[in-house]
Amino acid sequence: MADSDPPPGGAPQDTSALRAKVEHARAAHARKHAPQEQTSAASLAMRFGGEFGSAVLVGAGAGFGVDYWLHTNPWGLVIGLAAGFAAGVVNVVRVAKSYQSANPVDPNAPSVPDDAED
């Protein structure tokens, strides 16, 4: 009967399962916070274009569908395009912020002189 009672404080005697869980959590944390691969300017521009273009197309498609269903030409399409444009701008800003947070500016980088003619 004394063998089945938990030790004082409620801690288990076999800690191998707990150690395995801790190692699994540490590995997941290391994968999540691993340094990201540097992206090129062309891939970033393609992502901006894809995010913006897809949002506009989805908005236009939804507006066209509303027009077709409710026979409200052209107002559904106009409102859908406007909503798609707004969603595209939000998506581009979100991608730019995530890129900037993943690739911060080096504070020790030399400044570039202005090309403006004085």
PDB file of N, CA and C in Angstrom:
ATOM      1  N   MET A   1       0.829  -1.179   0.000  1.00  0.00           N
ATOM      2  CA  MET A   1       0.000   0.000   0.000  1.00  0.00           C
ATOM      3  C   MET A   1       0.876   1.246   0.000  1.00  0.00           C
ATOM      4  N   ALA A   2       2.014   1.206   0.663  1.00  0.00           N
ATOM      5  CA  ALA A   2       2.900   2.356   0.723  1.00  0.00           C
ATOM      6  C   ALA A   2       3.564   2.607  -0.629  1.00  0.00           C
ATOM      7  N   ASP A   3       3.690   1.559  -1.478  1.00  0.00           N
ATOM      8  CA  ASP A   3       4.325   1.731  -2.789  1.00  0.00           C
ATOM      9  C   ASP A   3       3.445   2.520  -3.746  1.00  0.00           C
ATOM     10  N   SER A   4       2.124   2.461  -3.608  1.00  0.00           N
ATOM     11  CA  SER A   4       1.244   3.147  -4.551  1.00  0.00           C
ATOM     12  C   SER A   4       0.973   4.591  -4.142  1.00  0.00           C
ATOM     13  N   ASP A   5       1.337   4.977  -2.925  1.00  0.00           N
ATOM     14  CA  ASP A   5       1.130   6.354  -2.487  1.00  0.00           C
ATOM     15  C   ASP A   5       2.123   7.270  -3.185  1.00  0.00           C
ATOM     16  N   PRO A   6       1.667   8.450  -3.609  1.00  0.00           N
ATOM     17  CA  PRO A   6       2.613   9.378  -4.242  1.00  0.00           C
ATOM     18  C   PRO A   6       3.567   9.940  -3.203  1.00  0.00           C
ATOM     19  N   PRO A   7       4.766  10.288  -3.605  1.00  0.00           N
ATOM     20  CA  PRO A   7       5.730  10.860  -2.662  1.00  0.00           C
ATOM     21  C   PRO A   7       5.241  12.219  -2.181  1.00  0.00           C
ATOM     22  N   PRO A   8       5.803  12.742  -1.133  1.00  0.00           N
ATOM     23  CA  PRO A   8       5.389  14.040  -0.618  1.00  0.00           C
ATOM     24  C   PRO A   8       5.568  15.130  -1.682  1.00  0.00           C
ATOM     25  N   GLY A   9       4.600  16.036  -1.770  1.00  0.00           N
ATOM     26  CA  GLY A   9       4.642  17.096  -2.759  1.00  0.00           C
ATOM     27  C   GLY A   9       3.965  16.704  -4.058  1.00  0.00           C
ATOM     28  N   GLY A  10       3.574  15.461  -4.241  1.00  0.00           N
ATOM     29  CA  GLY A  10       2.853  15.018  -5.415  1.00  0.00           C
ATOM     30  C   GLY A  10       3.739  14.832  -6.638  1.00  0.00           C
ATOM     31  N   ALA A  11       5.060  14.869  -6.529  1.00  0.00           N
ATOM     32  CA  ALA A  11       5.945  14.711  -7.676  1.00  0.00           C
ATOM     33  C   ALA A  11       6.049  13.235  -8.045  1.00  0.00           C
ATOM     34  N   PRO A  12       6.009  12.917  -9.329  1.00  0.00           N
ATOM     35  CA  PRO A  12       6.137  11.513  -9.725  1.00  0.00           C
ATOM     36  C   PRO A  12       7.574  11.034  -9.547  1.00  0.00           C
ATOM     37  N   GLN A  13       7.720   9.759  -9.296  1.00  0.00           N
ATOM     38  CA  GLN A  13       9.061   9.210  -9.111  1.00  0.00           C
ATOM     39  C   GLN A  13       9.740   8.989 -10.460  1.00  0.00           C
ATOM     40  N   ASP A  14       8.969   8.627 -11.495  1.00  0.00           N
ATOM     41  CA  ASP A  14       9.546   8.393 -12.818  1.00  0.00           C
ATOM     42  C   ASP A  14       9.481   9.704 -13.602  1.00  0.00           C
ATOM     43  N   THR A  15      10.609  10.330 -13.824  1.00  0.00           N
ATOM     44  CA  THR A  15      10.634  11.619 -14.497  1.00  0.00           C
ATOM     45  C   THR A  15      11.007  11.519 -15.977  1.00  0.00           C
ATOM     46  N   SER A  16      11.128  10.313 -16.505  1.00  0.00           N
ATOM     47  CA  SER A  16      11.533  10.170 -17.906  1.00  0.00           C
ATOM     48  C   SER A  16      10.472  10.729 -18.850  1.00  0.00           C
ATOM     49  N   ALA A  17       9.202  10.558 -18.524  1.00  0.00           N
ATOM     50  CA  ALA A  17       8.143  11.100 -19.378  1.00  0.00           C
ATOM     51  C   ALA A  17       8.163  12.626 -19.354  1.00  0.00           C
ATOM     52  N   LEU A  18       8.400  13.186 -18.182  1.00  0.00           N
ATOM     53  CA  LEU A  18       8.476  14.642 -18.063  1.00  0.00           C
ATOM     54  C   LEU A  18       9.682  15.188 -18.823  1.00  0.00           C
ATOM     55  N   ARG A  19      10.805  14.508 -18.738  1.00  0.00           N
ATOM     56  CA  ARG A  19      11.998  14.945 -19.471  1.00  0.00           C
ATOM     57  C   ARG A  19      11.757  14.895 -20.977  1.00  0.00           C
ATOM     58  N   ALA A  20      11.069  13.871 -21.446  1.00  0.00           N
ATOM     59  CA  ALA A  20      10.775  13.760 -22.878  1.00  0.00           C
ATOM     60  C   ALA A  20       9.887  14.911 -23.330  1.00  0.00           C
ATOM     61  N   LYS A  21       8.906  15.282 -22.501  1.00  0.00           N
ATOM     62  CA  LYS A  21       8.031  16.406 -22.847  1.00  0.00           C
ATOM     63  C   LYS A  21       8.808  17.720 -22.889  1.00  0.00           C
ATOM     64  N   VAL A  22       9.702  17.905 -21.938  1.00  0.00           N
ATOM     65  CA  VAL A  22      10.504  19.131 -21.893  1.00  0.00           C
ATOM     66  C   VAL A  22      11.404  19.211 -23.119  1.00  0.00           C
ATOM     67  N   GLU A  23      12.049  18.109 -23.497  1.00  0.00           N
ATOM     68  CA  GLU A  23      12.918  18.111 -24.673  1.00  0.00           C
ATOM     69  C   GLU A  23      12.113  18.367 -25.951  1.00  0.00           C
ATOM     70  N   HIS A  24      10.929  17.807 -26.019  1.00  0.00           N
ATOM     71  CA  HIS A  24      10.067  18.046 -27.183  1.00  0.00           C
ATOM     72  C   HIS A  24       9.676  19.521 -27.271  1.00  0.00           C
ATOM     73  N   ALA A  25       9.344  20.130 -26.147  1.00  0.00           N
ATOM     74  CA  ALA A  25       8.982  21.545 -26.130  1.00  0.00           C
ATOM     75  C   ALA A  25      10.178  22.419 -26.494  1.00  0.00           C
ATOM     76  N   ARG A  26      11.362  22.076 -26.011  1.00  0.00           N
ATOM     77  CA  ARG A  26      12.558  22.851 -26.349  1.00  0.00           C
ATOM     78  C   ARG A  26      12.871  22.754 -27.842  1.00  0.00           C
ATOM     79  N   ALA A  27      12.709  21.561 -28.416  1.00  0.00           N
ATOM     80  CA  ALA A  27      12.979  21.400 -29.843  1.00  0.00           C
ATOM     81  C   ALA A  27      11.975  22.200 -30.676  1.00  0.00           C
ATOM     82  N   ALA A  28      10.709  22.199 -30.264  1.00  0.00           N
ATOM     83  CA  ALA A  28       9.696  22.970 -30.987  1.00  0.00           C
ATOM     84  C   ALA A  28       9.990  24.461 -30.882  1.00  0.00           C
ATOM     85  N   HIS A  29      10.422  24.923 -29.728  1.00  0.00           N
ATOM     86  CA  HIS A  29      10.766  26.337 -29.537  1.00  0.00           C
ATOM     87  C   HIS A  29      11.977  26.711 -30.397  1.00  0.00           C
ATOM     88  N   ALA A  30      12.958  25.820 -30.471  1.00  0.00           N
ATOM     89  CA  ALA A  30      14.147  26.098 -31.277  1.00  0.00           C
ATOM     90  C   ALA A  30      13.799  26.159 -32.763  1.00  0.00           C
ATOM     91  N   ARG A  31      12.886  25.286 -33.233  1.00  0.00           N
ATOM     92  CA  ARG A  31      12.469  25.326 -34.638  1.00  0.00           C
ATOM     93  C   ARG A  31      11.711  26.607 -34.934  1.00  0.00           C
ATOM     94  N   LYS A  32      10.888  27.033 -34.002  1.00  0.00           N
ATOM     95  CA  LYS A  32      10.073  28.228 -34.224  1.00  0.00           C
ATOM     96  C   LYS A  32      10.927  29.482 -34.259  1.00  0.00           C
ATOM     97  N   HIS A  33      11.961  29.558 -33.436  1.00  0.00           N
ATOM     98  CA  HIS A  33      12.774  30.753 -33.327  1.00  0.00           C
ATOM     99  C   HIS A  33      14.118  30.614 -34.037  1.00  0.00           C
ATOM    100  N   ALA A  34      14.213  29.669 -34.971  1.00  0.00           N
ATOM    101  CA  ALA A  34      15.450  29.514 -35.736  1.00  0.00           C
ATOM    102  C   ALA A  34      15.612  30.703 -36.677  1.00  0.00           C
ATOM    103  N   PRO A  35      16.840  31.107 -36.972  1.00  0.00           N
ATOM    104  CA  PRO A  35      17.028  32.222 -37.901  1.00  0.00           C
ATOM    105  C   PRO A  35      16.453  31.882 -39.262  1.00  0.00           C
ATOM    106  N   GLN A  36      15.717  32.831 -39.833  1.00  0.00           N
ATOM    107  CA  GLN A  36      15.068  32.584 -41.110  1.00  0.00           C
ATOM    108  C   GLN A  36      16.041  32.848 -42.247  1.00  0.00           C
ATOM    109  N   GLU A  37      15.779  32.163 -43.347  1.00  0.00           N
ATOM    110  CA  GLU A  37      16.594  32.326 -44.531  1.00  0.00           C
ATOM    111  C   GLU A  37      16.347  33.706 -45.133  1.00  0.00           C
ATOM    112  N   GLN A  38      17.377  34.355 -45.593  1.00  0.00           N
ATOM    113  CA  GLN A  38      17.255  35.688 -46.173  1.00  0.00           C
ATOM    114  C   GLN A  38      16.505  35.587 -47.502  1.00  0.00           C
ATOM    115  N   THR A  39      15.485  36.415 -47.677  1.00  0.00           N
ATOM    116  CA  THR A  39      14.716  36.390 -48.913  1.00  0.00           C
ATOM    117  C   THR A  39      15.228  37.466 -49.852  1.00  0.00           C
ATOM    118  N   SER A  40      15.085  37.206 -51.145  1.00  0.00           N
ATOM    119  CA  SER A  40      15.551  38.171 -52.137  1.00  0.00           C
ATOM    120  C   SER A  40      14.477  39.234 -52.358  1.00  0.00           C
ATOM    121  N   ALA A  41      14.882  40.318 -52.969  1.00  0.00           N
ATOM    122  CA  ALA A  41      13.947  41.404 -53.256  1.00  0.00           C
ATOM    123  C   ALA A  41      12.898  40.957 -54.263  1.00  0.00           C
ATOM    124  N   ALA A  42      13.297  40.109 -55.208  1.00  0.00           N
ATOM    125  CA  ALA A  42      12.344  39.639 -56.217  1.00  0.00           C
ATOM    126  C   ALA A  42      11.261  38.761 -55.586  1.00  0.00           C
ATOM    127  N   SER A  43      11.637  37.898 -54.650  1.00  0.00           N
ATOM    128  CA  SER A  43      10.631  37.043 -54.020  1.00  0.00           C
ATOM    129  C   SER A  43       9.696  37.859 -53.133  1.00  0.00           C
ATOM    130  N   LEU A  44      10.238  38.890 -52.498  1.00  0.00           N
ATOM    131  CA  LEU A  44       9.398  39.760 -51.680  1.00  0.00           C
ATOM    132  C   LEU A  44       8.419  40.541 -52.558  1.00  0.00           C
ATOM    133  N   ALA A  45       8.886  41.031 -53.703  1.00  0.00           N
ATOM    134  CA  ALA A  45       8.010  41.749 -54.626  1.00  0.00           C
ATOM    135  C   ALA A  45       6.923  40.831 -55.184  1.00  0.00           C
ATOM    136  N   MET A  46       7.266  39.597 -55.476  1.00  0.00           N
ATOM    137  CA  MET A  46       6.268  38.638 -55.964  1.00  0.00           C
ATOM    138  C   MET A  46       5.227  38.355 -54.887  1.00  0.00           C
ATOM    139  N   ARG A  47       5.660  38.284 -53.650  1.00  0.00           N
ATOM    140  CA  ARG A  47       4.707  38.046 -52.569  1.00  0.00           C
ATOM    141  C   ARG A  47       3.785  39.248 -52.392  1.00  0.00           C
ATOM    142  N   PHE A  48       4.335  40.462 -52.472  1.00  0.00           N
ATOM    143  CA  PHE A  48       3.495  41.659 -52.397  1.00  0.00           C
ATOM    144  C   PHE A  48       2.445  41.635 -53.500  1.00  0.00           C
ATOM    145  N   GLY A  49       2.880  41.368 -54.718  1.00  0.00           N
ATOM    146  CA  GLY A  49       1.957  41.348 -55.851  1.00  0.00           C
ATOM    147  C   GLY A  49       0.914  40.255 -55.725  1.00  0.00           C
ATOM    148  N   GLY A  50       1.332  39.100 -55.272  1.00  0.00           N
ATOM    149  CA  GLY A  50       0.386  38.002 -55.101  1.00  0.00           C
ATOM    150  C   GLY A  50      -0.654  38.280 -54.034  1.00  0.00           C
ATOM    151  N   GLU A  51      -0.197  38.827 -52.908  1.00  0.00           N
ATOM    152  CA  GLU A  51      -1.133  39.154 -51.824  1.00  0.00           C
ATOM    153  C   GLU A  51      -2.142  40.204 -52.281  1.00  0.00           C
ATOM    154  N   PHE A  52      -1.653  41.250 -52.950  1.00  0.00           N
ATOM    155  CA  PHE A  52      -2.540  42.328 -53.376  1.00  0.00           C
ATOM    156  C   PHE A  52      -3.471  41.861 -54.489  1.00  0.00           C
ATOM    157  N   GLY A  53      -2.910  41.201 -55.493  1.00  0.00           N
ATOM    158  CA  GLY A  53      -3.715  40.757 -56.629  1.00  0.00           C
ATOM    159  C   GLY A  53      -4.782  39.750 -56.243  1.00  0.00           C
ATOM    160  N   SER A  54      -4.451  38.813 -55.383  1.00  0.00           N
ATOM    161  CA  SER A  54      -5.436  37.814 -54.987  1.00  0.00           C
ATOM    162  C   SER A  54      -6.572  38.444 -54.183  1.00  0.00           C
ATOM    163  N   ALA A  55      -6.244  39.426 -53.346  1.00  0.00           N
ATOM    164  CA  ALA A  55      -7.295  40.086 -52.563  1.00  0.00           C
ATOM    165  C   ALA A  55      -8.248  40.854 -53.480  1.00  0.00           C
ATOM    166  N   VAL A  56      -7.704  41.540 -54.487  1.00  0.00           N
ATOM    167  CA  VAL A  56      -8.551  42.281 -55.420  1.00  0.00           C
ATOM    168  C   VAL A  56      -9.415  41.318 -56.232  1.00  0.00           C
ATOM    169  N   LEU A  57      -8.846  40.210 -56.689  1.00  0.00           N
ATOM    170  CA  LEU A  57      -9.621  39.242 -57.471  1.00  0.00           C
ATOM    171  C   LEU A  57     -10.728  38.598 -56.642  1.00  0.00           C
ATOM    172  N   VAL A  58     -10.435  38.271 -55.401  1.00  0.00           N
ATOM    173  CA  VAL A  58     -11.469  37.675 -54.543  1.00  0.00           C
ATOM    174  C   VAL A  58     -12.576  38.686 -54.273  1.00  0.00           C
ATOM    175  N   GLY A  59     -12.214  39.936 -54.012  1.00  0.00           N
ATOM    176  CA  GLY A  59     -13.230  40.967 -53.804  1.00  0.00           C
ATOM    177  C   GLY A  59     -14.086  41.178 -55.036  1.00  0.00           C
ATOM    178  N   ALA A  60     -13.455  41.225 -56.219  1.00  0.00           N
ATOM    179  CA  ALA A  60     -14.204  41.400 -57.460  1.00  0.00           C
ATOM    180  C   ALA A  60     -15.099  40.204 -57.729  1.00  0.00           C
ATOM    181  N   GLY A  61     -14.600  39.012 -57.461  1.00  0.00           N
ATOM    182  CA  GLY A  61     -15.418  37.811 -57.664  1.00  0.00           C
ATOM    183  C   GLY A  61     -16.620  37.782 -56.731  1.00  0.00           C
ATOM    184  N   ALA A  62     -16.395  38.160 -55.484  1.00  0.00           N
ATOM    185  CA  ALA A  62     -17.513  38.196 -54.532  1.00  0.00           C
ATOM    186  C   ALA A  62     -18.527  39.260 -54.947  1.00  0.00           C
ATOM    187  N   GLY A  63     -18.063  40.425 -55.387  1.00  0.00           N
ATOM    188  CA  GLY A  63     -18.971  41.474 -55.841  1.00  0.00           C
ATOM    189  C   GLY A  63     -19.750  41.053 -57.076  1.00  0.00           C
ATOM    190  N   PHE A  64     -19.073  40.390 -58.001  1.00  0.00           N
ATOM    191  CA  PHE A  64     -19.763  39.899 -59.192  1.00  0.00           C
ATOM    192  C   PHE A  64     -20.816  38.859 -58.826  1.00  0.00           C
ATOM    193  N   GLY A  65     -20.482  38.000 -57.864  1.00  0.00           N
ATOM    194  CA  GLY A  65     -21.452  36.997 -57.417  1.00  0.00           C
ATOM    195  C   GLY A  65     -22.674  37.639 -56.770  1.00  0.00           C
ATOM    196  N   VAL A  66     -22.455  38.669 -55.986  1.00  0.00           N
ATOM    197  CA  VAL A  66     -23.574  39.392 -55.367  1.00  0.00           C
ATOM    198  C   VAL A  66     -24.424  40.056 -56.452  1.00  0.00           C
ATOM    199  N   ASP A  67     -23.772  40.657 -57.462  1.00  0.00           N
ATOM    200  CA  ASP A  67     -24.511  41.266 -58.570  1.00  0.00           C
ATOM    201  C   ASP A  67     -25.341  40.233 -59.317  1.00  0.00           C
ATOM    202  N   TYR A  68     -24.764  39.092 -59.561  1.00  0.00           N
ATOM    203  CA  TYR A  68     -25.472  38.035 -60.298  1.00  0.00           C
ATOM    204  C   TYR A  68     -26.665  37.525 -59.503  1.00  0.00           C
ATOM    205  N   TRP A  69     -26.493  37.392 -58.192  1.00  0.00           N
ATOM    206  CA  TRP A  69     -27.537  36.827 -57.347  1.00  0.00           C
ATOM    207  C   TRP A  69     -28.648  37.838 -57.066  1.00  0.00           C
ATOM    208  N   LEU A  70     -28.287  39.094 -56.828  1.00  0.00           N
ATOM    209  CA  LEU A  70     -29.271  40.105 -56.450  1.00  0.00           C
ATOM    210  C   LEU A  70     -29.669  41.039 -57.596  1.00  0.00           C
ATOM    211  N   HIS A  71     -29.040  40.890 -58.771  1.00  0.00           N
ATOM    212  CA  HIS A  71     -29.320  41.738 -59.941  1.00  0.00           C
ATOM    213  C   HIS A  71     -29.148  43.221 -59.598  1.00  0.00           C
ATOM    214  N   THR A  72     -28.008  43.570 -59.052  1.00  0.00           N
ATOM    215  CA  THR A  72     -27.740  44.942 -58.633  1.00  0.00           C
ATOM    216  C   THR A  72     -26.581  45.543 -59.413  1.00  0.00           C
ATOM    217  N   ASN A  73     -26.461  45.214 -60.698  1.00  0.00           N
ATOM    218  CA  ASN A  73     -25.329  45.693 -61.492  1.00  0.00           C
ATOM    219  C   ASN A  73     -25.187  47.190 -61.385  1.00  0.00           C
ATOM    220  N   PRO A  74     -24.064  47.754 -61.319  1.00  0.00           N
ATOM    221  CA  PRO A  74     -22.700  47.302 -61.054  1.00  0.00           C
ATOM    222  C   PRO A  74     -22.276  47.480 -59.601  1.00  0.00           C
ATOM    223  N   TRP A  75     -23.212  47.718 -58.696  1.00  0.00           N
ATOM    224  CA  TRP A  75     -22.838  48.119 -57.337  1.00  0.00           C
ATOM    225  C   TRP A  75     -22.128  47.031 -56.549  1.00  0.00           C
ATOM    226  N   GLY A  76     -22.500  45.815 -56.703  1.00  0.00           N
ATOM    227  CA  GLY A  76     -21.803  44.739 -55.988  1.00  0.00           C
ATOM    228  C   GLY A  76     -20.357  44.632 -56.424  1.00  0.00           C
ATOM    229  N   LEU A  77     -20.130  44.765 -57.743  1.00  0.00           N
ATOM    230  CA  LEU A  77     -18.770  44.696 -58.259  1.00  0.00           C
ATOM    231  C   LEU A  77     -17.939  45.888 -57.775  1.00  0.00           C
ATOM    232  N   VAL A  78     -18.522  47.065 -57.766  1.00  0.00           N
ATOM    233  CA  VAL A  78     -17.791  48.251 -57.309  1.00  0.00           C
ATOM    234  C   VAL A  78     -17.429  48.115 -55.836  1.00  0.00           C
ATOM    235  N   ILE A  79     -18.374  47.712 -55.023  1.00  0.00           N
ATOM    236  CA  ILE A  79     -18.110  47.550 -53.590  1.00  0.00           C
ATOM    237  C   ILE A  79     -17.127  46.400 -53.355  1.00  0.00           C
ATOM    238  N   GLY A  80     -17.266  45.311 -54.126  1.00  0.00           N
ATOM    239  CA  GLY A  80     -16.326  44.193 -53.993  1.00  0.00           C
ATOM    240  C   GLY A  80     -14.910  44.582 -54.381  1.00  0.00           C
ATOM    241  N   LEU A  81     -14.760  45.373 -55.445  1.00  0.00           N
ATOM    242  CA  LEU A  81     -13.429  45.842 -55.832  1.00  0.00           C
ATOM    243  C   LEU A  81     -12.826  46.741 -54.756  1.00  0.00           C
ATOM    244  N   ALA A  82     -13.645  47.628 -54.201  1.00  0.00           N
ATOM    245  CA  ALA A  82     -13.144  48.514 -53.147  1.00  0.00           C
ATOM    246  C   ALA A  82     -12.727  47.712 -51.910  1.00  0.00           C
ATOM    247  N   ALA A  83     -13.534  46.739 -51.536  1.00  0.00           N
ATOM    248  CA  ALA A  83     -13.193  45.907 -50.373  1.00  0.00           C
ATOM    249  C   ALA A  83     -11.949  45.070 -50.657  1.00  0.00           C
ATOM    250  N   GLY A  84     -11.835  44.554 -51.872  1.00  0.00           N
ATOM    251  CA  GLY A  84     -10.648  43.786 -52.244  1.00  0.00           C
ATOM    252  C   GLY A  84      -9.398  44.640 -52.252  1.00  0.00           C
ATOM    253  N   PHE A  85      -9.518  45.883 -52.740  1.00  0.00           N
ATOM    254  CA  PHE A  85      -8.386  46.802 -52.728  1.00  0.00           C
ATOM    255  C   PHE A  85      -7.944  47.083 -51.292  1.00  0.00           C
ATOM    256  N   ALA A  86      -8.902  47.352 -50.416  1.00  0.00           N
ATOM    257  CA  ALA A  86      -8.567  47.625 -49.011  1.00  0.00           C
ATOM    258  C   ALA A  86      -7.920  46.398 -48.359  1.00  0.00           C
ATOM    259  N   ALA A  87      -8.461  45.214 -48.641  1.00  0.00           N
ATOM    260  CA  ALA A  87      -7.867  44.000 -48.072  1.00  0.00           C
ATOM    261  C   ALA A  87      -6.463  43.770 -48.633  1.00  0.00           C
ATOM    262  N   GLY A  88      -6.245  44.097 -49.907  1.00  0.00           N
ATOM    263  CA  GLY A  88      -4.923  43.953 -50.497  1.00  0.00           C
ATOM    264  C   GLY A  88      -3.907  44.871 -49.853  1.00  0.00           C
ATOM    265  N   VAL A  89      -4.301  46.098 -49.586  1.00  0.00           N
ATOM    266  CA  VAL A  89      -3.388  47.038 -48.926  1.00  0.00           C
ATOM    267  C   VAL A  89      -3.055  46.543 -47.520  1.00  0.00           C
ATOM    268  N   VAL A  90      -4.057  46.045 -46.806  1.00  0.00           N
ATOM    269  CA  VAL A  90      -3.814  45.507 -45.457  1.00  0.00           C
ATOM    270  C   VAL A  90      -2.863  44.314 -45.524  1.00  0.00           C
ATOM    271  N   ASN A  91      -3.045  43.447 -46.515  1.00  0.00           N
ATOM    272  CA  ASN A  91      -2.161  42.290 -46.655  1.00  0.00           C
ATOM    273  C   ASN A  91      -0.723  42.708 -46.953  1.00  0.00           C
ATOM    274  N   VAL A  92      -0.546  43.692 -47.829  1.00  0.00           N
ATOM    275  CA  VAL A  92       0.806  44.148 -48.164  1.00  0.00           C
ATOM    276  C   VAL A  92       1.476  44.769 -46.941  1.00  0.00           C
ATOM    277  N   VAL A  93       0.740  45.547 -46.177  1.00  0.00           N
ATOM    278  CA  VAL A  93       1.310  46.145 -44.963  1.00  0.00           C
ATOM    279  C   VAL A  93       1.679  45.052 -43.961  1.00  0.00           C
ATOM    280  N   ARG A  94       0.833  44.029 -43.837  1.00  0.00           N
ATOM    281  CA  ARG A  94       1.121  42.924 -42.922  1.00  0.00           C
ATOM    282  C   ARG A  94       2.389  42.179 -43.330  1.00  0.00           C
ATOM    283  N   VAL A  95       2.549  41.923 -44.632  1.00  0.00           N
ATOM    284  CA  VAL A  95       3.746  41.232 -45.119  1.00  0.00           C
ATOM    285  C   VAL A  95       4.985  42.096 -44.897  1.00  0.00           C
ATOM    286  N   ALA A  96       4.867  43.397 -45.155  1.00  0.00           N
ATOM    287  CA  ALA A  96       6.009  44.292 -44.962  1.00  0.00           C
ATOM    288  C   ALA A  96       6.419  44.350 -43.491  1.00  0.00           C
ATOM    289  N   LYS A  97       5.449  44.391 -42.596  1.00  0.00           N
ATOM    290  CA  LYS A  97       5.779  44.416 -41.166  1.00  0.00           C
ATOM    291  C   LYS A  97       6.434  43.112 -40.725  1.00  0.00           C
ATOM    292  N   SER A  98       5.944  41.982 -41.223  1.00  0.00           N
ATOM    293  CA  SER A  98       6.548  40.708 -40.831  1.00  0.00           C
ATOM    294  C   SER A  98       7.967  40.592 -41.383  1.00  0.00           C
ATOM    295  N   TYR A  99       8.192  41.100 -42.603  1.00  0.00           N
ATOM    296  CA  TYR A  99       9.548  41.081 -43.157  1.00  0.00           C
ATOM    297  C   TYR A  99      10.470  41.981 -42.347  1.00  0.00           C
ATOM    298  N   GLN A 100       9.971  43.146 -41.975  1.00  0.00           N
ATOM    299  CA  GLN A 100      10.796  44.090 -41.215  1.00  0.00           C
ATOM    300  C   GLN A 100      11.127  43.544 -39.826  1.00  0.00           C
ATOM    301  N   SER A 101      10.176  42.863 -39.193  1.00  0.00           N
ATOM    302  CA  SER A 101      10.470  42.305 -37.867  1.00  0.00           C
ATOM    303  C   SER A 101      11.409  41.110 -37.961  1.00  0.00           C
ATOM    304  N   ALA A 102      11.348  40.361 -39.069  1.00  0.00           N
ATOM    305  CA  ALA A 102      12.244  39.219 -39.238  1.00  0.00           C
ATOM    306  C   ALA A 102      13.640  39.651 -39.671  1.00  0.00           C
ATOM    307  N   ASN A 103      13.751  40.806 -40.324  1.00  0.00           N
ATOM    308  CA  ASN A 103      15.035  41.302 -40.823  1.00  0.00           C
ATOM    309  C   ASN A 103      15.239  42.741 -40.365  1.00  0.00           C
ATOM    310  N   PRO A 104      15.577  42.956 -39.109  1.00  0.00           N
ATOM    311  CA  PRO A 104      15.722  44.337 -38.618  1.00  0.00           C
ATOM    312  C   PRO A 104      16.920  45.029 -39.262  1.00  0.00           C
ATOM    313  N   VAL A 105      16.859  46.345 -39.289  1.00  0.00           N
ATOM    314  CA  VAL A 105      17.936  47.154 -39.844  1.00  0.00           C
ATOM    315  C   VAL A 105      19.111  47.145 -38.863  1.00  0.00           C
ATOM    316  N   ASP A 106      20.301  46.998 -39.396  1.00  0.00           N
ATOM    317  CA  ASP A 106      21.498  47.006 -38.568  1.00  0.00           C
ATOM    318  C   ASP A 106      21.770  48.430 -38.089  1.00  0.00           C
ATOM    319  N   PRO A 107      21.781  48.665 -36.779  1.00  0.00           N
ATOM    320  CA  PRO A 107      22.015  50.037 -36.307  1.00  0.00           C
ATOM    321  C   PRO A 107      23.432  50.523 -36.577  1.00  0.00           C
ATOM    322  N   ASN A 108      24.352  49.620 -36.863  1.00  0.00           N
ATOM    323  CA  ASN A 108      25.735  50.003 -37.126  1.00  0.00           C
ATOM    324  C   ASN A 108      26.030  50.180 -38.610  1.00  0.00           C
ATOM    325  N   ALA A 109      25.023  50.043 -39.450  1.00  0.00           N
ATOM    326  CA  ALA A 109      25.222  50.193 -40.888  1.00  0.00           C
ATOM    327  C   ALA A 109      25.505  51.653 -41.215  1.00  0.00           C
ATOM    328  N   PRO A 110      26.380  51.900 -42.180  1.00  0.00           N
ATOM    329  CA  PRO A 110      26.678  53.294 -42.534  1.00  0.00           C
ATOM    330  C   PRO A 110      25.477  53.939 -43.211  1.00  0.00           C
ATOM    331  N   SER A 111      25.312  55.227 -42.983  1.00  0.00           N
ATOM    332  CA  SER A 111      24.192  55.925 -43.603  1.00  0.00           C
ATOM    333  C   SER A 111      24.547  56.251 -45.049  1.00  0.00           C
ATOM    334  N   VAL A 112      23.529  56.327 -45.877  1.00  0.00           N
ATOM    335  CA  VAL A 112      23.712  56.618 -47.293  1.00  0.00           C
ATOM    336  C   VAL A 112      23.439  58.097 -47.493  1.00  0.00           C
ATOM    337  N   PRO A 113      24.350  58.830 -48.148  1.00  0.00           N
ATOM    338  CA  PRO A 113      24.105  60.262 -48.351  1.00  0.00           C
ATOM    339  C   PRO A 113      22.939  60.504 -49.313  1.00  0.00           C
ATOM    340  N   ASP A 114      22.294  61.615 -49.130  1.00  0.00           N
ATOM    341  CA  ASP A 114      21.157  61.992 -49.964  1.00  0.00           C
ATOM    342  C   ASP A 114      21.653  62.454 -51.327  1.00  0.00           C
ATOM    343  N   ASP A 115      20.939  62.085 -52.399  1.00  0.00           N
ATOM    344  CA  ASP A 115      21.328  62.474 -53.748  1.00  0.00           C
ATOM    345  C   ASP A 115      20.698  63.783 -54.179  1.00  0.00           C
ATOM    346  N   ALA A 116      19.942  64.424 -53.334  1.00  0.00           N
ATOM    347  CA  ALA A 116      19.273  65.654 -53.721  1.00  0.00           C
ATOM    348  C   ALA A 116      20.302  66.740 -54.020  1.00  0.00           C
ATOM    349  N   GLU A 117      20.036  67.471 -55.072  1.00  0.00           N
ATOM    350  CA  GLU A 117      20.943  68.550 -55.429  1.00  0.00           C
ATOM    351  C   GLU A 117      20.596  69.784 -54.627  1.00  0.00           C
ATOM    352  N   ASP A 118      21.594  70.379 -54.063  1.00  0.00           N
ATOM    353  CA  ASP A 118      21.363  71.528 -53.186  1.00  0.00           C
ATOM    354  C   ASP A 118      21.449  72.816 -53.931  1.00  0.00           C
TER     355      ASP A 118
END
